Amino acid sequence: MIRITPDGTDTLPLYDYKQSDATISGGEFGFDIHPKSAQWLDFKVTDAIIRGKLDAGGNLPYIPSNKLIGEIKLSKEKLWKLNKTYLSFCCKQLYKTK
């Protein structure tokens, strides 16, 4: 990314983007546990990894961070006058790999 007017006098910054060949790879995996003895409990973990490399060398810009997401969900078919109620706790961790 190269700024066209480096003196900073313009009101809106303009950038010149270059196009190049790149390789994007990644995947997502996870597991979801529903204990038979506690049907009201649901435990889920997913991990999403993505990498972008320029063929000429270097990393591809604007690739999102890897994500690790954990969730615990407590549910009940009927709670007072409410049907199919649930309470969910979710934790998301963004991380980078070397």
PDB file of N, CA and C in Angstrom:
ATOM      1  N   MET A   1       0.845  -1.159   0.000  1.00  0.00           N
ATOM      2  CA  MET A   1       0.000   0.000   0.000  1.00  0.00           C
ATOM      3  C   MET A   1       0.900   1.234   0.000  1.00  0.00           C
ATOM      4  N   ILE A   2       0.735   2.111  -0.970  1.00  0.00           N
ATOM      5  CA  ILE A   2       1.541   3.317  -1.083  1.00  0.00           C
ATOM      6  C   ILE A   2       0.609   4.512  -1.115  1.00  0.00           C
ATOM      7  N   ARG A   3       0.848   5.454  -0.245  1.00  0.00           N
ATOM      8  CA  ARG A   3       0.014   6.660  -0.242  1.00  0.00           C
ATOM      9  C   ARG A   3       0.421   7.534  -1.419  1.00  0.00           C
ATOM     10  N   ILE A   4      -0.551   8.009  -2.196  1.00  0.00           N
ATOM     11  CA  ILE A   4      -0.255   8.769  -3.410  1.00  0.00           C
ATOM     12  C   ILE A   4       0.308  10.149  -3.077  1.00  0.00           C
ATOM     13  N   THR A   5      -0.262  10.824  -2.098  1.00  0.00           N
ATOM     14  CA  THR A   5       0.242  12.140  -1.694  1.00  0.00           C
ATOM     15  C   THR A   5       0.808  12.037  -0.284  1.00  0.00           C
ATOM     16  N   PRO A   6       2.099  11.795  -0.153  1.00  0.00           N
ATOM     17  CA  PRO A   6       2.679  11.579   1.184  1.00  0.00           C
ATOM     18  C   PRO A   6       2.799  12.843   2.024  1.00  0.00           C
ATOM     19  N   ASP A   7       2.566  14.050   1.456  1.00  0.00           N
ATOM     20  CA  ASP A   7       2.706  15.255   2.264  1.00  0.00           C
ATOM     21  C   ASP A   7       1.541  15.476   3.217  1.00  0.00           C
ATOM     22  N   GLY A   8       0.423  14.742   3.043  1.00  0.00           N
ATOM     23  CA  GLY A   8      -0.686  14.813   3.980  1.00  0.00           C
ATOM     24  C   GLY A   8      -1.576  16.021   3.821  1.00  0.00           C
ATOM     25  N   THR A   9      -1.514  16.733   2.691  1.00  0.00           N
ATOM     26  CA  THR A   9      -2.342  17.931   2.520  1.00  0.00           C
ATOM     27  C   THR A   9      -3.743  17.615   2.017  1.00  0.00           C
ATOM     28  N   ASP A  10      -3.978  16.418   1.513  1.00  0.00           N
ATOM     29  CA  ASP A  10      -5.311  16.074   1.022  1.00  0.00           C
ATOM     30  C   ASP A  10      -6.258  15.810   2.188  1.00  0.00           C
ATOM     31  N   THR A  11      -7.547  16.034   1.968  1.00  0.00           N
ATOM     32  CA  THR A  11      -8.514  15.825   3.037  1.00  0.00           C
ATOM     33  C   THR A  11      -8.880  14.352   3.186  1.00  0.00           C
ATOM     34  N   LEU A  12      -8.814  13.592   2.097  1.00  0.00           N
ATOM     35  CA  LEU A  12      -9.082  12.168   2.145  1.00  0.00           C
ATOM     36  C   LEU A  12      -7.831  11.421   1.690  1.00  0.00           C
ATOM     37  N   PRO A  13      -7.338  10.500   2.495  1.00  0.00           N
ATOM     38  CA  PRO A  13      -6.148   9.761   2.057  1.00  0.00           C
ATOM     39  C   PRO A  13      -6.485   8.830   0.889  1.00  0.00           C
ATOM     40  N   LEU A  14      -5.642   8.820  -0.113  1.00  0.00           N
ATOM     41  CA  LEU A  14      -5.799   7.953  -1.274  1.00  0.00           C
ATOM     42  C   LEU A  14      -4.672   6.935  -1.269  1.00  0.00           C
ATOM     43  N   TYR A  15      -4.979   5.731  -1.640  1.00  0.00           N
ATOM     44  CA  TYR A  15      -3.988   4.670  -1.646  1.00  0.00           C
ATOM     45  C   TYR A  15      -3.969   3.997  -3.005  1.00  0.00           C
ATOM     46  N   ASP A  16      -2.816   3.515  -3.382  1.00  0.00           N
ATOM     47  CA  ASP A  16      -2.642   2.785  -4.631  1.00  0.00           C
ATOM     48  C   ASP A  16      -2.435   1.324  -4.268  1.00  0.00           C
ATOM     49  N   TYR A  17      -3.384   0.472  -4.646  1.00  0.00           N
ATOM     50  CA  TYR A  17      -3.302  -0.944  -4.318  1.00  0.00           C
ATOM     51  C   TYR A  17      -2.736  -1.714  -5.501  1.00  0.00           C
ATOM     52  N   LYS A  18      -1.892  -2.651  -5.218  1.00  0.00           N
ATOM     53  CA  LYS A  18      -1.299  -3.509  -6.240  1.00  0.00           C
ATOM     54  C   LYS A  18      -1.949  -4.884  -6.162  1.00  0.00           C
ATOM     55  N   GLN A  19      -2.120  -5.523  -7.307  1.00  0.00           N
ATOM     56  CA  GLN A  19      -2.683  -6.862  -7.356  1.00  0.00           C
ATOM     57  C   GLN A  19      -1.558  -7.855  -7.585  1.00  0.00           C
ATOM     58  N   SER A  20      -1.625  -8.996  -6.895  1.00  0.00           N
ATOM     59  CA  SER A  20      -0.594 -10.017  -7.013  1.00  0.00           C
ATOM     60  C   SER A  20      -1.223 -11.378  -6.737  1.00  0.00           C
ATOM     61  N   ASP A  21      -0.563 -12.431  -7.201  1.00  0.00           N
ATOM     62  CA  ASP A  21      -1.044 -13.782  -6.938  1.00  0.00           C
ATOM     63  C   ASP A  21      -0.847 -14.124  -5.469  1.00  0.00           C
ATOM     64  N   ALA A  22      -1.810 -14.848  -4.919  1.00  0.00           N
ATOM     65  CA  ALA A  22      -1.757 -15.218  -3.507  1.00  0.00           C
ATOM     66  C   ALA A  22      -2.411 -16.574  -3.311  1.00  0.00           C
ATOM     67  N   THR A  23      -2.116 -17.178  -2.175  1.00  0.00           N
ATOM     68  CA  THR A  23      -2.718 -18.449  -1.790  1.00  0.00           C
ATOM     69  C   THR A  23      -3.414 -18.262  -0.452  1.00  0.00           C
ATOM     70  N   ILE A  24      -4.691 -18.625  -0.409  1.00  0.00           N
ATOM     71  CA  ILE A  24      -5.463 -18.551   0.828  1.00  0.00           C
ATOM     72  C   ILE A  24      -5.817 -19.973   1.234  1.00  0.00           C
ATOM     73  N   SER A  25      -5.533 -20.305   2.489  1.00  0.00           N
ATOM     74  CA  SER A  25      -5.869 -21.643   2.991  1.00  0.00           C
ATOM     75  C   SER A  25      -6.405 -21.515   4.404  1.00  0.00           C
ATOM     76  N   GLY A  26      -7.137 -22.513   4.826  1.00  0.00           N
ATOM     77  CA  GLY A  26      -7.680 -22.488   6.173  1.00  0.00           C
ATOM     78  C   GLY A  26      -8.742 -23.544   6.355  1.00  0.00           C
ATOM     79  N   GLY A  27      -9.376 -23.500   7.481  1.00  0.00           N
ATOM     80  CA  GLY A  27     -10.422 -24.457   7.776  1.00  0.00           C
ATOM     81  C   GLY A  27     -11.070 -24.150   9.108  1.00  0.00           C
ATOM     82  N   GLU A  28     -12.098 -24.896   9.373  1.00  0.00           N
ATOM     83  CA  GLU A  28     -12.827 -24.756  10.634  1.00  0.00           C
ATOM     84  C   GLU A  28     -13.170 -26.142  11.142  1.00  0.00           C
ATOM     85  N   PHE A  29     -12.974 -26.340  12.410  1.00  0.00           N
ATOM     86  CA  PHE A  29     -13.365 -27.609  13.015  1.00  0.00           C
ATOM     87  C   PHE A  29     -13.938 -27.333  14.393  1.00  0.00           C
ATOM     88  N   GLY A  30     -14.707 -28.277  14.867  1.00  0.00           N
ATOM     89  CA  GLY A  30     -15.318 -28.096  16.171  1.00  0.00           C
ATOM     90  C   GLY A  30     -16.013 -29.351  16.629  1.00  0.00           C
ATOM     91  N   PHE A  31     -16.518 -29.295  17.830  1.00  0.00           N
ATOM     92  CA  PHE A  31     -17.310 -30.401  18.352  1.00  0.00           C
ATOM     93  C   PHE A  31     -18.436 -29.843  19.201  1.00  0.00           C
ATOM     94  N   ASP A  32     -19.495 -30.614  19.268  1.00  0.00           N
ATOM     95  CA  ASP A  32     -20.716 -30.229  19.966  1.00  0.00           C
ATOM     96  C   ASP A  32     -21.136 -31.417  20.820  1.00  0.00           C
ATOM     97  N   ILE A  33     -21.211 -31.205  22.124  1.00  0.00           N
ATOM     98  CA  ILE A  33     -21.520 -32.291  23.059  1.00  0.00           C
ATOM     99  C   ILE A  33     -22.896 -32.052  23.681  1.00  0.00           C
ATOM    100  N   HIS A  34     -23.749 -33.083  23.599  1.00  0.00           N
ATOM    101  CA  HIS A  34     -25.060 -33.077  24.239  1.00  0.00           C
ATOM    102  C   HIS A  34     -25.110 -34.302  25.164  1.00  0.00           C
ATOM    103  N   PRO A  35     -24.787 -34.126  26.456  1.00  0.00           N
ATOM    104  CA  PRO A  35     -24.805 -35.285  27.360  1.00  0.00           C
ATOM    105  C   PRO A  35     -26.204 -35.894  27.463  1.00  0.00           C
ATOM    106  N   LYS A  36     -26.268 -37.206  27.377  1.00  0.00           N
ATOM    107  CA  LYS A  36     -27.568 -37.895  27.454  1.00  0.00           C
ATOM    108  C   LYS A  36     -28.169 -37.776  28.852  1.00  0.00           C
ATOM    109  N   SER A  37     -27.323 -37.746  29.863  1.00  0.00           N
ATOM    110  CA  SER A  37     -27.822 -37.658  31.236  1.00  0.00           C
ATOM    111  C   SER A  37     -28.256 -36.235  31.615  1.00  0.00           C
ATOM    112  N   ALA A  38     -27.802 -35.235  30.854  1.00  0.00           N
ATOM    113  CA  ALA A  38     -28.188 -33.837  31.111  1.00  0.00           C
ATOM    114  C   ALA A  38     -28.602 -33.205  29.786  1.00  0.00           C
ATOM    115  N   GLN A  39     -29.815 -33.493  29.349  1.00  0.00           N
ATOM    116  CA  GLN A  39     -30.281 -33.017  28.050  1.00  0.00           C
ATOM    117  C   GLN A  39     -30.482 -31.507  28.007  1.00  0.00           C
ATOM    118  N   TRP A  40     -30.479 -30.866  29.135  1.00  0.00           N
ATOM    119  CA  TRP A  40     -30.630 -29.423  29.220  1.00  0.00           C
ATOM    120  C   TRP A  40     -29.302 -28.697  28.960  1.00  0.00           C
ATOM    121  N   LEU A  41     -28.194 -29.440  28.835  1.00  0.00           N
ATOM    122  CA  LEU A  41     -26.854 -28.872  28.685  1.00  0.00           C
ATOM    123  C   LEU A  41     -26.327 -29.108  27.273  1.00  0.00           C
ATOM    124  N   ASP A  42     -25.726 -28.085  26.697  1.00  0.00           N
ATOM    125  CA  ASP A  42     -25.105 -28.162  25.376  1.00  0.00           C
ATOM    126  C   ASP A  42     -23.753 -27.461  25.467  1.00  0.00           C
ATOM    127  N   PHE A  43     -22.699 -28.149  25.053  1.00  0.00           N
ATOM    128  CA  PHE A  43     -21.342 -27.618  25.115  1.00  0.00           C
ATOM    129  C   PHE A  43     -20.756 -27.655  23.707  1.00  0.00           C
ATOM    130  N   LYS A  44     -20.271 -26.497  23.229  1.00  0.00           N
ATOM    131  CA  LYS A  44     -19.782 -26.407  21.858  1.00  0.00           C
ATOM    132  C   LYS A  44     -18.460 -25.637  21.820  1.00  0.00           C
ATOM    133  N   VAL A  45     -17.500 -26.134  21.013  1.00  0.00           N
ATOM    134  CA  VAL A  45     -16.216 -25.456  20.797  1.00  0.00           C
ATOM    135  C   VAL A  45     -15.913 -25.504  19.305  1.00  0.00           C
ATOM    136  N   THR A  46     -15.540 -24.349  18.721  1.00  0.00           N
ATOM    137  CA  THR A  46     -15.132 -24.298  17.315  1.00  0.00           C
ATOM    138  C   THR A  46     -13.845 -23.490  17.195  1.00  0.00           C
ATOM    139  N   ASP A  47     -13.053 -23.839  16.203  1.00  0.00           N
ATOM    140  CA  ASP A  47     -11.802 -23.138  15.923  1.00  0.00           C
ATOM    141  C   ASP A  47     -11.739 -22.887  14.427  1.00  0.00           C
ATOM    142  N   ALA A  48     -11.530 -21.639  14.029  1.00  0.00           N
ATOM    143  CA  ALA A  48     -11.437 -21.269  12.612  1.00  0.00           C
ATOM    144  C   ALA A  48     -10.057 -20.665  12.363  1.00  0.00           C
ATOM    145  N   ILE A  49      -9.364 -21.205  11.380  1.00  0.00           N
ATOM    146  CA  ILE A  49      -8.005 -20.766  11.048  1.00  0.00           C
ATOM    147  C   ILE A  49      -7.973 -20.401   9.564  1.00  0.00           C
ATOM    148  N   ILE A  50      -7.372 -19.249   9.246  1.00  0.00           N
ATOM    149  CA  ILE A  50      -7.207 -18.842   7.853  1.00  0.00           C
ATOM    150  C   ILE A  50      -5.847 -18.180   7.682  1.00  0.00           C
ATOM    151  N   ARG A  51      -5.209 -18.468   6.550  1.00  0.00           N
ATOM    152  CA  ARG A  51      -3.909 -17.880   6.239  1.00  0.00           C
ATOM    153  C   ARG A  51      -3.932 -17.383   4.805  1.00  0.00           C
ATOM    154  N   GLY A  52      -3.268 -16.276   4.560  1.00  0.00           N
ATOM    155  CA  GLY A  52      -3.135 -15.738   3.212  1.00  0.00           C
ATOM    156  C   GLY A  52      -1.700 -15.353   2.963  1.00  0.00           C
ATOM    157  N   LYS A  53      -1.070 -15.956   1.973  1.00  0.00           N
ATOM    158  CA  LYS A  53       0.334 -15.687   1.640  1.00  0.00           C
ATOM    159  C   LYS A  53       0.433 -15.196   0.208  1.00  0.00           C
ATOM    160  N   LEU A  54       1.180 -14.128   0.003  1.00  0.00           N
ATOM    161  CA  LEU A  54       1.464 -13.664  -1.345  1.00  0.00           C
ATOM    162  C   LEU A  54       2.487 -14.603  -1.973  1.00  0.00           C
ATOM    163  N   ASP A  55       2.302 -14.949  -3.241  1.00  0.00           N
ATOM    164  CA  ASP A  55       3.245 -15.848  -3.906  1.00  0.00           C
ATOM    165  C   ASP A  55       4.631 -15.233  -4.031  1.00  0.00           C
ATOM    166  N   ALA A  56       4.716 -13.900  -4.077  1.00  0.00           N
ATOM    167  CA  ALA A  56       6.010 -13.221  -4.149  1.00  0.00           C
ATOM    168  C   ALA A  56       6.669 -13.093  -2.773  1.00  0.00           C
ATOM    169  N   GLY A  57       5.975 -13.517  -1.728  1.00  0.00           N
ATOM    170  CA  GLY A  57       6.502 -13.424  -0.361  1.00  0.00           C
ATOM    171  C   GLY A  57       5.728 -12.424   0.468  1.00  0.00           C
ATOM    172  N   GLY A  58       5.538 -12.727   1.712  1.00  0.00           N
ATOM    173  CA  GLY A  58       4.812 -11.843   2.619  1.00  0.00           C
ATOM    174  C   GLY A  58       3.388 -12.318   2.843  1.00  0.00           C
ATOM    175  N   ASN A  59       2.728 -11.651   3.769  1.00  0.00           N
ATOM    176  CA  ASN A  59       1.352 -11.997   4.123  1.00  0.00           C
ATOM    177  C   ASN A  59       0.352 -11.180   3.325  1.00  0.00           C
ATOM    178  N   LEU A  60      -0.796 -11.755   3.090  1.00  0.00           N
ATOM    179  CA  LEU A  60      -1.886 -11.076   2.412  1.00  0.00           C
ATOM    180  C   LEU A  60      -2.560 -10.140   3.420  1.00  0.00           C
ATOM    181  N   PRO A  61      -2.782  -8.853   3.064  1.00  0.00           N
ATOM    182  CA  PRO A  61      -3.395  -7.926   4.023  1.00  0.00           C
ATOM    183  C   PRO A  61      -4.884  -8.209   4.219  1.00  0.00           C
ATOM    184  N   TYR A  62      -5.417  -7.761   5.333  1.00  0.00           N
ATOM    185  CA  TYR A  62      -6.843  -7.804   5.681  1.00  0.00           C
ATOM    186  C   TYR A  62      -7.394  -9.216   5.853  1.00  0.00           C
ATOM    187  N   ILE A  63      -6.563 -10.145   6.222  1.00  0.00           N
ATOM    188  CA  ILE A  63      -7.031 -11.486   6.555  1.00  0.00           C
ATOM    189  C   ILE A  63      -7.478 -11.449   8.019  1.00  0.00           C
ATOM    190  N   PRO A  64      -8.681 -11.926   8.350  1.00  0.00           N
ATOM    191  CA  PRO A  64      -9.136 -11.872   9.744  1.00  0.00           C
ATOM    192  C   PRO A  64      -8.310 -12.785  10.645  1.00  0.00           C
ATOM    193  N   SER A  65      -8.308 -12.471  11.917  1.00  0.00           N
ATOM    194  CA  SER A  65      -7.593 -13.282  12.899  1.00  0.00           C
ATOM    195  C   SER A  65      -8.249 -14.645  13.044  1.00  0.00           C
ATOM    196  N   ASN A  66      -7.470 -15.614  13.503  1.00  0.00           N
ATOM    197  CA  ASN A  66      -8.024 -16.927  13.825  1.00  0.00           C
ATOM    198  C   ASN A  66      -8.953 -16.777  15.026  1.00  0.00           C
ATOM    199  N   LYS A  67      -9.977 -17.645  15.093  1.00  0.00           N
ATOM    200  CA  LYS A  67     -10.968 -17.534  16.165  1.00  0.00           C
ATOM    201  C   LYS A  67     -11.155 -18.866  16.869  1.00  0.00           C
ATOM    202  N   LEU A  68     -11.176 -18.807  18.172  1.00  0.00           N
ATOM    203  CA  LEU A  68     -11.544 -19.943  19.012  1.00  0.00           C
ATOM    204  C   LEU A  68     -12.779 -19.514  19.790  1.00  0.00           C
ATOM    205  N   ILE A  69     -13.872 -20.264  19.623  1.00  0.00           N
ATOM    206  CA  ILE A  69     -15.146 -19.889  20.246  1.00  0.00           C
ATOM    207  C   ILE A  69     -15.648 -21.047  21.104  1.00  0.00           C
ATOM    208  N   GLY A  70     -15.977 -20.749  22.344  1.00  0.00           N
ATOM    209  CA  GLY A  70     -16.556 -21.728  23.256  1.00  0.00           C
ATOM    210  C   GLY A  70     -17.931 -21.268  23.703  1.00  0.00           C
ATOM    211  N   GLU A  71     -18.854 -22.207  23.806  1.00  0.00           N
ATOM    212  CA  GLU A  71     -20.217 -21.847  24.202  1.00  0.00           C
ATOM    213  C   GLU A  71     -20.807 -22.932  25.098  1.00  0.00           C
ATOM    214  N   ILE A  72     -21.468 -22.497  26.148  1.00  0.00           N
ATOM    215  CA  ILE A  72     -22.242 -23.382  27.021  1.00  0.00           C
ATOM    216  C   ILE A  72     -23.676 -22.875  26.986  1.00  0.00           C
ATOM    217  N   LYS A  73     -24.595 -23.785  26.702  1.00  0.00           N
ATOM    218  CA  LYS A  73     -26.004 -23.404  26.577  1.00  0.00           C
ATOM    219  C   LYS A  73     -26.841 -24.260  27.525  1.00  0.00           C
ATOM    220  N   LEU A  74     -27.630 -23.594  28.341  1.00  0.00           N
ATOM    221  CA  LEU A  74     -28.550 -24.246  29.263  1.00  0.00           C
ATOM    222  C   LEU A  74     -29.961 -23.996  28.745  1.00  0.00           C
ATOM    223  N   SER A  75     -30.743 -25.041  28.576  1.00  0.00           N
ATOM    224  CA  SER A  75     -32.076 -24.863  28.006  1.00  0.00           C
ATOM    225  C   SER A  75     -33.134 -25.613  28.820  1.00  0.00           C
ATOM    226  N   LYS A  76     -34.355 -25.128  28.670  1.00  0.00           N
ATOM    227  CA  LYS A  76     -35.496 -25.754  29.328  1.00  0.00           C
ATOM    228  C   LYS A  76     -36.690 -25.608  28.397  1.00  0.00           C
ATOM    229  N   GLU A  77     -37.451 -26.679  28.246  1.00  0.00           N
ATOM    230  CA  GLU A  77     -38.591 -26.669  27.316  1.00  0.00           C
ATOM    231  C   GLU A  77     -39.650 -25.644  27.732  1.00  0.00           C
ATOM    232  N   LYS A  78     -39.954 -25.571  29.036  1.00  0.00           N
ATOM    233  CA  LYS A  78     -40.949 -24.602  29.521  1.00  0.00           C
ATOM    234  C   LYS A  78     -40.477 -24.031  30.844  1.00  0.00           C
ATOM    235  N   LEU A  79     -40.414 -22.705  30.914  1.00  0.00           N
ATOM    236  CA  LEU A  79     -40.007 -21.995  32.128  1.00  0.00           C
ATOM    237  C   LEU A  79     -41.065 -20.935  32.407  1.00  0.00           C
ATOM    238  N   TRP A  80     -41.829 -21.130  33.478  1.00  0.00           N
ATOM    239  CA  TRP A  80     -43.007 -20.306  33.788  1.00  0.00           C
ATOM    240  C   TRP A  80     -43.940 -20.283  32.584  1.00  0.00           C
ATOM    241  N   LYS A  81     -44.161 -19.122  31.975  1.00  0.00           N
ATOM    242  CA  LYS A  81     -45.045 -19.036  30.807  1.00  0.00           C
ATOM    243  C   LYS A  81     -44.246 -18.970  29.498  1.00  0.00           C
ATOM    244  N   LEU A  82     -42.948 -19.148  29.578  1.00  0.00           N
ATOM    245  CA  LEU A  82     -42.089 -19.070  28.398  1.00  0.00           C
ATOM    246  C   LEU A  82     -41.800 -20.464  27.856  1.00  0.00           C
ATOM    247  N   ASN A  83     -41.865 -20.611  26.538  1.00  0.00           N
ATOM    248  CA  ASN A  83     -41.571 -21.888  25.882  1.00  0.00           C
ATOM    249  C   ASN A  83     -40.185 -21.854  25.245  1.00  0.00           C
ATOM    250  N   LYS A  84     -39.508 -22.995  25.276  1.00  0.00           N
ATOM    251  CA  LYS A  84     -38.197 -23.176  24.650  1.00  0.00           C
ATOM    252  C   LYS A  84     -37.210 -22.080  25.060  1.00  0.00           C
ATOM    253  N   THR A  85     -37.020 -21.892  26.341  1.00  0.00           N
ATOM    254  CA  THR A  85     -36.108 -20.874  26.862  1.00  0.00           C
ATOM    255  C   THR A  85     -34.700 -21.452  26.971  1.00  0.00           C
ATOM    256  N   TYR A  86     -33.710 -20.558  26.863  1.00  0.00           N
ATOM    257  CA  TYR A  86     -32.322 -20.979  27.041  1.00  0.00           C
ATOM    258  C   TYR A  86     -31.472 -19.807  27.512  1.00  0.00           C
ATOM    259  N   LEU A  87     -30.356 -20.131  28.117  1.00  0.00           N
ATOM    260  CA  LEU A  87     -29.364 -19.165  28.563  1.00  0.00           C
ATOM    261  C   LEU A  87     -28.035 -19.631  27.990  1.00  0.00           C
ATOM    262  N   SER A  88     -27.340 -18.725  27.310  1.00  0.00           N
ATOM    263  CA  SER A  88     -26.124 -19.098  26.609  1.00  0.00           C
ATOM    264  C   SER A  88     -24.959 -18.236  27.084  1.00  0.00           C
ATOM    265  N   PHE A  89     -23.824 -18.863  27.331  1.00  0.00           N
ATOM    266  CA  PHE A  89     -22.581 -18.183  27.677  1.00  0.00           C
ATOM    267  C   PHE A  89     -21.593 -18.466  26.553  1.00  0.00           C
ATOM    268  N   CYS A  90     -21.051 -17.395  25.972  1.00  0.00           N
ATOM    269  CA  CYS A  90     -20.155 -17.555  24.823  1.00  0.00           C
ATOM    270  C   CYS A  90     -18.874 -16.781  25.084  1.00  0.00           C
ATOM    271  N   CYS A  91     -17.755 -17.355  24.682  1.00  0.00           N
ATOM    272  CA  CYS A  91     -16.452 -16.722  24.833  1.00  0.00           C
ATOM    273  C   CYS A  91     -15.710 -16.846  23.506  1.00  0.00           C
ATOM    274  N   LYS A  92     -15.234 -15.717  22.989  1.00  0.00           N
ATOM    275  CA  LYS A  92     -14.510 -15.718  21.716  1.00  0.00           C
ATOM    276  C   LYS A  92     -13.100 -15.214  21.961  1.00  0.00           C
ATOM    277  N   GLN A  93     -12.121 -15.928  21.442  1.00  0.00           N
ATOM    278  CA  GLN A  93     -10.721 -15.530  21.567  1.00  0.00           C
ATOM    279  C   GLN A  93     -10.125 -15.416  20.169  1.00  0.00           C
ATOM    280  N   LEU A  94      -9.644 -14.225  19.823  1.00  0.00           N
ATOM    281  CA  LEU A  94      -8.940 -14.022  18.561  1.00  0.00           C
ATOM    282  C   LEU A  94      -7.458 -14.231  18.819  1.00  0.00           C
ATOM    283  N   TYR A  95      -6.770 -14.917  17.913  1.00  0.00           N
ATOM    284  CA  TYR A  95      -5.352 -15.162  18.106  1.00  0.00           C
ATOM    285  C   TYR A  95      -4.635 -15.227  16.769  1.00  0.00           C
ATOM    286  N   LYS A  96      -3.346 -15.011  16.797  1.00  0.00           N
ATOM    287  CA  LYS A  96      -2.513 -15.096  15.601  1.00  0.00           C
ATOM    288  C   LYS A  96      -1.541 -16.246  15.772  1.00  0.00           C
ATOM    289  N   THR A  97      -1.254 -16.927  14.669  1.00  0.00           N
ATOM    290  CA  THR A  97      -0.236 -17.975  14.688  1.00  0.00           C
ATOM    291  C   THR A  97       1.038 -17.415  14.073  1.00  0.00           C
ATOM    292  N   LYS A  98       2.142 -18.003  14.442  1.00  0.00           N
ATOM    293  CA  LYS A  98       3.426 -17.536  13.898  1.00  0.00           C
ATOM    294  C   LYS A  98       3.751 -18.227  12.620  1.00  0.00           C
TER     295      LYS A  98
END
